[in-house]
PDB file of all heavy atoms in Angstrom:
ATOM      1  N   ASP A   1      13.250 -65.168  23.764  1.00  0.00           N
ATOM      2  CA  ASP A   1      13.942 -66.332  23.138  1.00  0.00           C
ATOM      3  C   ASP A   1      15.373 -66.056  22.767  1.00  0.00           C
ATOM      4  O   ASP A   1      16.295 -66.677  23.251  1.00  0.00           O
ATOM      5  CB  ASP A   1      13.173 -66.837  21.921  1.00  0.00           C
ATOM      6  CG  ASP A   1      11.828 -67.460  22.287  1.00  0.00           C
ATOM      7  OD1 ASP A   1      11.736 -67.968  23.411  1.00  0.00           O
ATOM      8  OD2 ASP A   1      10.923 -67.418  21.475  1.00  0.00           O
ATOM      9  N   ASP A   2      15.585 -65.086  21.874  1.00  0.00           N
ATOM     10  CA  ASP A   2      16.938 -64.759  21.430  1.00  0.00           C
ATOM     11  C   ASP A   2      17.318 -63.295  21.749  1.00  0.00           C
ATOM     12  O   ASP A   2      18.339 -62.812  21.254  1.00  0.00           O
ATOM     13  CB  ASP A   2      17.075 -65.069  19.911  1.00  0.00           C
ATOM     14  CG  ASP A   2      16.181 -64.168  19.101  1.00  0.00           C
ATOM     15  OD1 ASP A   2      15.191 -63.663  19.613  1.00  0.00           O
ATOM     16  OD2 ASP A   2      16.465 -64.032  17.864  1.00  0.00           O
ATOM     17  N   GLU A   3      16.523 -62.629  22.583  1.00  0.00           N
ATOM     18  CA  GLU A   3      16.737 -61.255  22.824  1.00  0.00           C
ATOM     19  C   GLU A   3      16.728 -60.949  24.310  1.00  0.00           C
ATOM     20  O   GLU A   3      16.021 -61.620  25.074  1.00  0.00           O
ATOM     21  CB  GLU A   3      15.618 -60.427  22.124  1.00  0.00           C
ATOM     22  CG  GLU A   3      15.840 -58.955  22.079  1.00  0.00           C
ATOM     23  CD  GLU A   3      14.769 -58.245  21.286  1.00  0.00           C
ATOM     24  OE1 GLU A   3      13.603 -58.242  21.717  1.00  0.00           O
ATOM     25  OE2 GLU A   3      15.089 -57.683  20.246  1.00  0.00           O
ATOM     26  N   ILE A   4      17.532 -59.957  24.717  1.00  0.00           N
ATOM     27  CA  ILE A   4      17.579 -59.516  26.077  1.00  0.00           C
ATOM     28  C   ILE A   4      17.363 -58.033  26.087  1.00  0.00           C
ATOM     29  O   ILE A   4      17.875 -57.314  25.222  1.00  0.00           O
ATOM     30  CB  ILE A   4      18.960 -59.841  26.714  1.00  0.00           C
ATOM     31  CG1 ILE A   4      19.166 -61.346  26.821  1.00  0.00           C
ATOM     32  CG2 ILE A   4      19.106 -59.195  28.066  1.00  0.00           C
ATOM     33  CD1 ILE A   4      20.478 -61.748  27.416  1.00  0.00           C
ATOM     34  N   TRP A   5      16.614 -57.550  27.069  1.00  0.00           N
ATOM     35  CA  TRP A   5      16.403 -56.115  27.218  1.00  0.00           C
ATOM     36  C   TRP A   5      17.207 -55.695  28.475  1.00  0.00           C
ATOM     37  O   TRP A   5      17.120 -56.302  29.540  1.00  0.00           O
ATOM     38  CB  TRP A   5      14.946 -55.776  27.430  1.00  0.00           C
ATOM     39  CG  TRP A   5      14.069 -56.047  26.243  1.00  0.00           C
ATOM     40  CD1 TRP A   5      14.412 -56.812  25.133  1.00  0.00           C
ATOM     41  CD2 TRP A   5      12.748 -55.599  26.036  1.00  0.00           C
ATOM     42  NE1 TRP A   5      13.319 -56.842  24.278  1.00  0.00           N
ATOM     43  CE2 TRP A   5      12.336 -56.098  24.834  1.00  0.00           C
ATOM     44  CE3 TRP A   5      11.909 -54.757  26.773  1.00  0.00           C
ATOM     45  CZ2 TRP A   5      11.056 -55.800  24.293  1.00  0.00           C
ATOM     46  CZ3 TRP A   5      10.667 -54.524  26.313  1.00  0.00           C
ATOM     47  CH2 TRP A   5      10.236 -54.988  25.072  1.00  0.00           C
ATOM     48  N   LEU A   6      17.945 -54.601  28.285  1.00  0.00           N
ATOM     49  CA  LEU A   6      18.785 -54.037  29.377  1.00  0.00           C
ATOM     50  C   LEU A   6      18.348 -52.637  29.654  1.00  0.00           C
ATOM     51  O   LEU A   6      17.910 -51.931  28.743  1.00  0.00           O
ATOM     52  CB  LEU A   6      20.272 -54.059  29.015  1.00  0.00           C
ATOM     53  CG  LEU A   6      20.903 -55.356  28.578  1.00  0.00           C
ATOM     54  CD1 LEU A   6      22.357 -55.108  28.208  1.00  0.00           C
ATOM     55  CD2 LEU A   6      20.790 -56.392  29.686  1.00  0.00           C
ATOM     56  N   ALA A   7      18.531 -52.223  30.881  1.00  0.00           N
ATOM     57  CA  ALA A   7      18.296 -50.820  31.263  1.00  0.00           C
ATOM     58  C   ALA A   7      19.264 -50.415  32.375  1.00  0.00           C
ATOM     59  O   ALA A   7      19.587 -51.211  33.275  1.00  0.00           O
ATOM     60  CB  ALA A   7      16.867 -50.644  31.751  1.00  0.00           C
ATOM     61  N   GLY A   8      19.753 -49.238  32.273  1.00  0.00           N
ATOM     62  CA  GLY A   8      20.545 -48.686  33.352  1.00  0.00           C
ATOM     63  C   GLY A   8      19.632 -48.292  34.498  1.00  0.00           C
ATOM     64  O   GLY A   8      18.523 -47.775  34.232  1.00  0.00           O
ATOM     65  N   ASP A   9      20.044 -48.565  35.707  1.00  0.00           N
ATOM     66  CA  ASP A   9      19.151 -48.255  36.873  1.00  0.00           C
ATOM     67  C   ASP A   9      18.803 -46.754  36.919  1.00  0.00           C
ATOM     68  O   ASP A   9      17.670 -46.444  37.334  1.00  0.00           O
ATOM     69  CB  ASP A   9      19.836 -48.681  38.182  1.00  0.00           C
ATOM     70  CG  ASP A   9      19.957 -50.221  38.278  1.00  0.00           C
ATOM     71  OD1 ASP A   9      19.104 -50.923  37.683  1.00  0.00           O
ATOM     72  OD2 ASP A   9      20.869 -50.637  39.034  1.00  0.00           O
ATOM     73  N   ALA A  10      19.679 -45.899  36.523  1.00  0.00           N
ATOM     74  CA  ALA A  10      19.388 -44.467  36.587  1.00  0.00           C
ATOM     75  C   ALA A  10      18.647 -43.940  35.356  1.00  0.00           C
ATOM     76  O   ALA A  10      18.136 -42.839  35.357  1.00  0.00           O
ATOM     77  CB  ALA A  10      20.636 -43.661  36.777  1.00  0.00           C
ATOM     78  N   ASN A  11      18.634 -44.738  34.319  1.00  0.00           N
ATOM     79  CA  ASN A  11      17.978 -44.295  33.054  1.00  0.00           C
ATOM     80  C   ASN A  11      16.483 -44.255  33.241  1.00  0.00           C
ATOM     81  O   ASN A  11      15.889 -45.179  33.728  1.00  0.00           O
ATOM     82  CB  ASN A  11      18.333 -45.234  31.872  1.00  0.00           C
ATOM     83  CG  ASN A  11      19.799 -45.146  31.531  1.00  0.00           C
ATOM     84  OD1 ASN A  11      20.545 -44.312  32.032  1.00  0.00           O
ATOM     85  ND2 ASN A  11      20.233 -46.039  30.647  1.00  0.00           N
ATOM     86  N   LEU A  12      15.880 -43.199  32.789  1.00  0.00           N
ATOM     87  CA  LEU A  12      14.447 -42.963  32.947  1.00  0.00           C
ATOM     88  C   LEU A  12      13.634 -43.508  31.761  1.00  0.00           C
ATOM     89  O   LEU A  12      12.439 -43.689  31.917  1.00  0.00           O
ATOM     90  CB  LEU A  12      14.127 -41.516  33.212  1.00  0.00           C
ATOM     91  CG  LEU A  12      14.706 -40.949  34.512  1.00  0.00           C
ATOM     92  CD1 LEU A  12      14.385 -39.446  34.619  1.00  0.00           C
ATOM     93  CD2 LEU A  12      14.171 -41.694  35.690  1.00  0.00           C
ATOM     94  N   GLN A  13      14.235 -43.683  30.630  1.00  0.00           N
ATOM     95  CA  GLN A  13      13.506 -44.132  29.474  1.00  0.00           C
ATOM     96  C   GLN A  13      14.214 -45.210  28.665  1.00  0.00           C
ATOM     97  O   GLN A  13      13.588 -46.165  28.246  1.00  0.00           O
ATOM     98  CB  GLN A  13      13.212 -42.953  28.523  1.00  0.00           C
ATOM     99  CG  GLN A  13      12.275 -41.963  29.155  1.00  0.00           C
ATOM    100  CD  GLN A  13      11.948 -40.810  28.197  1.00  0.00           C
ATOM    101  OE1 GLN A  13      12.367 -40.807  27.061  1.00  0.00           O
ATOM    102  NE2 GLN A  13      11.228 -39.836  28.707  1.00  0.00           N
ATOM    103  N   GLN A  14      15.486 -45.079  28.418  1.00  0.00           N
ATOM    104  CA  GLN A  14      16.210 -45.911  27.505  1.00  0.00           C
ATOM    105  C   GLN A  14      16.215 -47.395  27.938  1.00  0.00           C
ATOM    106  O   GLN A  14      16.458 -47.724  29.070  1.00  0.00           O
ATOM    107  CB  GLN A  14      17.665 -45.411  27.388  1.00  0.00           C
ATOM    108  CG  GLN A  14      18.491 -46.199  26.408  1.00  0.00           C
ATOM    109  CD  GLN A  14      19.863 -45.621  26.316  1.00  0.00           C
ATOM    110  OE1 GLN A  14      20.137 -44.487  26.733  1.00  0.00           O
ATOM    111  NE2 GLN A  14      20.785 -46.400  25.770  1.00  0.00           N
ATOM    112  N   ILE A  15      15.950 -48.255  26.978  1.00  0.00           N
ATOM    113  CA  ILE A  15      16.075 -49.681  27.131  1.00  0.00           C
ATOM    114  C   ILE A  15      16.856 -50.193  25.912  1.00  0.00           C
ATOM    115  O   ILE A  15      16.536 -49.840  24.776  1.00  0.00           O
ATOM    116  CB  ILE A  15      14.720 -50.414  27.218  1.00  0.00           C
ATOM    117  CG1 ILE A  15      14.031 -49.992  28.467  1.00  0.00           C
ATOM    118  CG2 ILE A  15      14.905 -51.917  27.170  1.00  0.00           C
ATOM    119  CD1 ILE A  15      12.591 -50.509  28.632  1.00  0.00           C
ATOM    120  N   GLU A  16      17.865 -50.998  26.148  1.00  0.00           N
ATOM    121  CA  GLU A  16      18.624 -51.589  25.046  1.00  0.00           C
ATOM    122  C   GLU A  16      18.092 -53.009  24.769  1.00  0.00           C
ATOM    123  O   GLU A  16      17.913 -53.774  25.706  1.00  0.00           O
ATOM    124  CB  GLU A  16      20.146 -51.681  25.376  1.00  0.00           C
ATOM    125  CG  GLU A  16      20.806 -50.349  25.587  1.00  0.00           C
ATOM    126  CD  GLU A  16      20.693 -49.813  26.980  1.00  0.00           C
ATOM    127  OE1 GLU A  16      20.360 -50.582  27.922  1.00  0.00           O
ATOM    128  OE2 GLU A  16      20.998 -48.634  27.213  1.00  0.00           O
ATOM    129  N   ARG A  17      17.835 -53.252  23.477  1.00  0.00           N
ATOM    130  CA  ARG A  17      17.348 -54.589  23.062  1.00  0.00           C
ATOM    131  C   ARG A  17      18.490 -55.239  22.262  1.00  0.00           C
ATOM    132  O   ARG A  17      18.875 -54.719  21.242  1.00  0.00           O
ATOM    133  CB  ARG A  17      16.127 -54.477  22.246  1.00  0.00           C
ATOM    134  CG  ARG A  17      14.936 -53.895  23.038  1.00  0.00           C
ATOM    135  CD  ARG A  17      13.734 -53.696  22.166  1.00  0.00           C
ATOM    136  NE  ARG A  17      12.679 -53.173  23.048  1.00  0.00           N
ATOM    137  CZ  ARG A  17      11.602 -52.554  22.621  1.00  0.00           C
ATOM    138  NH1 ARG A  17      11.379 -52.439  21.357  1.00  0.00           N
ATOM    139  NH2 ARG A  17      10.682 -52.115  23.466  1.00  0.00           N
ATOM    140  N   LEU A  18      19.011 -56.356  22.805  1.00  0.00           N
ATOM    141  CA  LEU A  18      20.160 -56.999  22.239  1.00  0.00           C
ATOM    142  C   LEU A  18      19.910 -58.478  21.907  1.00  0.00           C
ATOM    143  O   LEU A  18      19.057 -59.070  22.556  1.00  0.00           O
ATOM    144  CB  LEU A  18      21.310 -56.959  23.261  1.00  0.00           C
ATOM    145  CG  LEU A  18      21.624 -55.700  24.005  1.00  0.00           C
ATOM    146  CD1 LEU A  18      22.653 -55.973  25.051  1.00  0.00           C
ATOM    147  CD2 LEU A  18      22.134 -54.654  23.044  1.00  0.00           C
ATOM    148  N   LYS A  19      20.735 -58.975  21.050  1.00  0.00           N
ATOM    149  CA  LYS A  19      20.823 -60.440  20.859  1.00  0.00           C
ATOM    150  C   LYS A  19      21.645 -60.945  22.035  1.00  0.00           C
ATOM    151  O   LYS A  19      22.529 -60.317  22.556  1.00  0.00           O
ATOM    152  CB  LYS A  19      21.509 -60.767  19.547  1.00  0.00           C
ATOM    153  CG  LYS A  19      20.823 -60.205  18.396  1.00  0.00           C
ATOM    154  CD  LYS A  19      20.005 -61.287  17.694  1.00  0.00           C
ATOM    155  CE  LYS A  19      19.377 -60.844  16.416  1.00  0.00           C
ATOM    156  NZ  LYS A  19      17.947 -60.936  16.442  1.00  0.00           N
ATOM    157  N   LYS A  20      21.346 -62.171  22.463  1.00  0.00           N
ATOM    158  CA  LYS A  20      22.046 -62.793  23.629  1.00  0.00           C
ATOM    159  C   LYS A  20      23.535 -62.825  23.395  1.00  0.00           C
ATOM    160  O   LYS A  20      24.310 -62.670  24.310  1.00  0.00           O
ATOM    161  CB  LYS A  20      21.491 -64.171  23.925  1.00  0.00           C
ATOM    162  CG  LYS A  20      20.113 -64.137  24.519  1.00  0.00           C
ATOM    163  CD  LYS A  20      19.662 -65.524  24.821  1.00  0.00           C
ATOM    164  CE  LYS A  20      18.246 -65.483  25.534  1.00  0.00           C
ATOM    165  NZ  LYS A  20      17.745 -66.808  25.818  1.00  0.00           N
ATOM    166  N   GLU A  21      23.967 -63.004  22.155  1.00  0.00           N
ATOM    167  CA  GLU A  21      25.401 -63.105  21.889  1.00  0.00           C
ATOM    168  C   GLU A  21      26.144 -61.764  22.021  1.00  0.00           C
ATOM    169  O   GLU A  21      27.383 -61.747  22.043  1.00  0.00           O
ATOM    170  CB  GLU A  21      25.691 -63.777  20.520  1.00  0.00           C
ATOM    171  CG  GLU A  21      25.036 -63.135  19.322  1.00  0.00           C
ATOM    172  CD  GLU A  21      23.627 -63.687  19.046  1.00  0.00           C
ATOM    173  OE1 GLU A  21      23.092 -64.540  19.826  1.00  0.00           O
ATOM    174  OE2 GLU A  21      23.072 -63.294  18.050  1.00  0.00           O
ATOM    175  N   GLU A  22      25.443 -60.671  22.154  1.00  0.00           N
ATOM    176  CA  GLU A  22      26.092 -59.418  22.366  1.00  0.00           C
ATOM    177  C   GLU A  22      26.466 -59.187  23.848  1.00  0.00           C
ATOM    178  O   GLU A  22      27.176 -58.241  24.163  1.00  0.00           O
ATOM    179  CB  GLU A  22      25.160 -58.238  21.926  1.00  0.00           C
ATOM    180  CG  GLU A  22      24.895 -58.240  20.392  1.00  0.00           C
ATOM    181  CD  GLU A  22      23.919 -57.183  19.988  1.00  0.00           C
ATOM    182  OE1 GLU A  22      22.736 -57.383  20.183  1.00  0.00           O
ATOM    183  OE2 GLU A  22      24.367 -56.142  19.492  1.00  0.00           O
ATOM    184  N   VAL A  23      25.985 -60.062  24.712  1.00  0.00           N
ATOM    185  CA  VAL A  23      26.351 -59.964  26.114  1.00  0.00           C
ATOM    186  C   VAL A  23      27.685 -60.739  26.324  1.00  0.00           C
ATOM    187  O   VAL A  23      27.766 -61.887  25.985  1.00  0.00           O
ATOM    188  CB  VAL A  23      25.249 -60.593  27.005  1.00  0.00           C
ATOM    189  CG1 VAL A  23      25.647 -60.569  28.495  1.00  0.00           C
ATOM    190  CG2 VAL A  23      23.915 -59.828  26.820  1.00  0.00           C
ATOM    191  N   TRP A  24      28.638 -60.012  26.879  1.00  0.00           N
ATOM    192  CA  TRP A  24      29.989 -60.585  27.031  1.00  0.00           C
ATOM    193  C   TRP A  24      30.247 -61.188  28.420  1.00  0.00           C
ATOM    194  O   TRP A  24      30.952 -62.177  28.597  1.00  0.00           O
ATOM    195  CB  TRP A  24      31.054 -59.507  26.856  1.00  0.00           C
ATOM    196  CG  TRP A  24      31.267 -59.090  25.477  1.00  0.00           C
ATOM    197  CD1 TRP A  24      30.616 -59.431  24.339  1.00  0.00           C
ATOM    198  CD2 TRP A  24      32.324 -58.207  25.031  1.00  0.00           C
ATOM    199  NE1 TRP A  24      31.153 -58.773  23.232  1.00  0.00           N
ATOM    200  CE2 TRP A  24      32.242 -58.028  23.645  1.00  0.00           C
ATOM    201  CE3 TRP A  24      33.312 -57.517  25.706  1.00  0.00           C
ATOM    202  CZ2 TRP A  24      33.086 -57.223  22.932  1.00  0.00           C
ATOM    203  CZ3 TRP A  24      34.199 -56.739  24.973  1.00  0.00           C
ATOM    204  CH2 TRP A  24      34.048 -56.617  23.610  1.00  0.00           C
ATOM    205  N   ALA A  25      29.707 -60.537  29.460  1.00  0.00           N
ATOM    206  CA  ALA A  25      30.113 -60.930  30.833  1.00  0.00           C
ATOM    207  C   ALA A  25      28.964 -60.568  31.780  1.00  0.00           C
ATOM    208  O   ALA A  25      28.066 -59.812  31.489  1.00  0.00           O
ATOM    209  CB  ALA A  25      31.367 -60.191  31.230  1.00  0.00           C
ATOM    210  N   ILE A  26      29.046 -61.211  32.922  1.00  0.00           N
ATOM    211  CA  ILE A  26      28.143 -60.951  34.018  1.00  0.00           C
ATOM    212  C   ILE A  26      28.872 -60.349  35.181  1.00  0.00           C
ATOM    213  O   ILE A  26      30.045 -60.670  35.392  1.00  0.00           O
ATOM    214  CB  ILE A  26      27.417 -62.267  34.421  1.00  0.00           C
ATOM    215  CG1 ILE A  26      26.200 -62.011  35.345  1.00  0.00           C
ATOM    216  CG2 ILE A  26      28.311 -63.249  35.088  1.00  0.00           C
ATOM    217  CD1 ILE A  26      24.945 -61.838  34.656  1.00  0.00           C
ATOM    218  N   VAL A  27      28.231 -59.443  35.907  1.00  0.00           N
ATOM    219  CA  VAL A  27      28.887 -58.939  37.109  1.00  0.00           C
ATOM    220  C   VAL A  27      28.786 -59.990  38.173  1.00  0.00           C
ATOM    221  O   VAL A  27      27.687 -60.345  38.626  1.00  0.00           O
ATOM    222  CB  VAL A  27      28.237 -57.631  37.597  1.00  0.00           C
ATOM    223  CG1 VAL A  27      28.793 -57.196  38.972  1.00  0.00           C
ATOM    224  CG2 VAL A  27      28.491 -56.478  36.532  1.00  0.00           C
ATOM    225  N   ALA A  28      29.907 -60.588  38.558  1.00  0.00           N
ATOM    226  CA  ALA A  28      29.923 -61.632  39.577  1.00  0.00           C
ATOM    227  C   ALA A  28      29.955 -61.056  40.984  1.00  0.00           C
ATOM    228  O   ALA A  28      29.336 -61.586  41.903  1.00  0.00           O
ATOM    229  CB  ALA A  28      31.115 -62.544  39.387  1.00  0.00           C
ATOM    230  N   GLU A  29      30.701 -59.957  41.124  1.00  0.00           N
ATOM    231  CA  GLU A  29      30.837 -59.276  42.420  1.00  0.00           C
ATOM    232  C   GLU A  29      31.003 -57.783  42.203  1.00  0.00           C
ATOM    233  O   GLU A  29      31.451 -57.385  41.125  1.00  0.00           O
ATOM    234  CB  GLU A  29      32.026 -59.785  43.208  1.00  0.00           C
ATOM    235  CG  GLU A  29      31.998 -61.247  43.592  1.00  0.00           C
ATOM    236  CD  GLU A  29      33.289 -61.664  44.269  1.00  0.00           C
ATOM    237  OE1 GLU A  29      34.360 -61.781  43.571  1.00  0.00           O
ATOM    238  OE2 GLU A  29      33.283 -61.793  45.520  1.00  0.00           O
ATOM    239  N   ALA A  30      30.685 -57.019  43.213  1.00  0.00           N
ATOM    240  CA  ALA A  30      30.884 -55.582  43.128  1.00  0.00           C
ATOM    241  C   ALA A  30      31.377 -55.017  44.454  1.00  0.00           C
ATOM    242  O   ALA A  30      30.996 -55.570  45.539  1.00  0.00           O
ATOM    243  CB  ALA A  30      29.615 -54.853  42.684  1.00  0.00           C
ATOM    244  N   PHE A  31      32.181 -53.968  44.417  1.00  0.00           N
ATOM    245  CA  PHE A  31      32.740 -53.357  45.639  1.00  0.00           C
ATOM    246  C   PHE A  31      32.745 -51.876  45.512  1.00  0.00           C
ATOM    247  O   PHE A  31      32.906 -51.303  44.453  1.00  0.00           O
ATOM    248  CB  PHE A  31      34.165 -53.859  45.819  1.00  0.00           C
ATOM    249  CG  PHE A  31      34.327 -55.335  45.943  1.00  0.00           C
ATOM    250  CD1 PHE A  31      34.479 -56.071  44.763  1.00  0.00           C
ATOM    251  CD2 PHE A  31      34.248 -56.003  47.133  1.00  0.00           C
ATOM    252  CE1 PHE A  31      34.604 -57.447  44.829  1.00  0.00           C
ATOM    253  CE2 PHE A  31      34.357 -57.373  47.185  1.00  0.00           C
ATOM    254  CZ  PHE A  31      34.560 -58.109  46.050  1.00  0.00           C
ATOM    255  N   ASN A  32      32.485 -51.229  46.668  1.00  0.00           N
ATOM    256  CA  ASN A  32      32.665 -49.754  46.778  1.00  0.00           C
ATOM    257  C   ASN A  32      33.671 -49.543  47.848  1.00  0.00           C
ATOM    258  O   ASN A  32      34.259 -50.460  48.395  1.00  0.00           O
ATOM    259  CB  ASN A  32      31.362 -49.008  46.980  1.00  0.00           C
ATOM    260  CG  ASN A  32      30.641 -49.426  48.245  1.00  0.00           C
ATOM    261  OD1 ASN A  32      31.214 -49.948  49.176  1.00  0.00           O
ATOM    262  ND2 ASN A  32      29.311 -49.242  48.248  1.00  0.00           N
ATOM    263  N   ASP A  33      33.879 -48.256  48.274  1.00  0.00           N
ATOM    264  CA  ASP A  33      34.828 -47.942  49.321  1.00  0.00           C
ATOM    265  C   ASP A  33      34.470 -48.545  50.676  1.00  0.00           C
ATOM    266  O   ASP A  33      35.324 -48.733  51.524  1.00  0.00           O
ATOM    267  CB  ASP A  33      34.957 -46.429  49.470  1.00  0.00           C
ATOM    268  CG  ASP A  33      35.548 -45.789  48.231  1.00  0.00           C
ATOM    269  OD1 ASP A  33      36.250 -46.501  47.467  1.00  0.00           O
ATOM    270  OD2 ASP A  33      35.357 -44.563  48.012  1.00  0.00           O
ATOM    271  N   LYS A  34      33.202 -48.912  50.875  1.00  0.00           N
ATOM    272  CA  LYS A  34      32.789 -49.483  52.145  1.00  0.00           C
ATOM    273  C   LYS A  34      32.905 -51.003  52.176  1.00  0.00           C
ATOM    274  O   LYS A  34      32.730 -51.583  53.206  1.00  0.00           O
ATOM    275  CB  LYS A  34      31.364 -49.059  52.433  1.00  0.00           C
ATOM    276  CG  LYS A  34      31.196 -47.571  52.646  1.00  0.00           C
ATOM    277  CD  LYS A  34      29.768 -47.206  52.792  1.00  0.00           C
ATOM    278  CE  LYS A  34      29.606 -45.672  52.820  1.00  0.00           C
ATOM    279  NZ  LYS A  34      28.193 -45.244  52.699  1.00  0.00           N
ATOM    280  N   GLY A  35      33.098 -51.593  51.035  1.00  0.00           N
ATOM    281  CA  GLY A  35      33.185 -53.060  50.932  1.00  0.00           C
ATOM    282  C   GLY A  35      32.377 -53.643  49.862  1.00  0.00           C
ATOM    283  O   GLY A  35      32.094 -53.000  48.831  1.00  0.00           O
TER     284      GLY A  35
END
């Protein structure tokens, strides 16, 4: 309802539990050296 759980893809245990208002932005696009 008012909470979001986040995890880094490489993290093996850690999960961050946040209020929705703590999220600032969304990744719209991503690029590496290949494109």
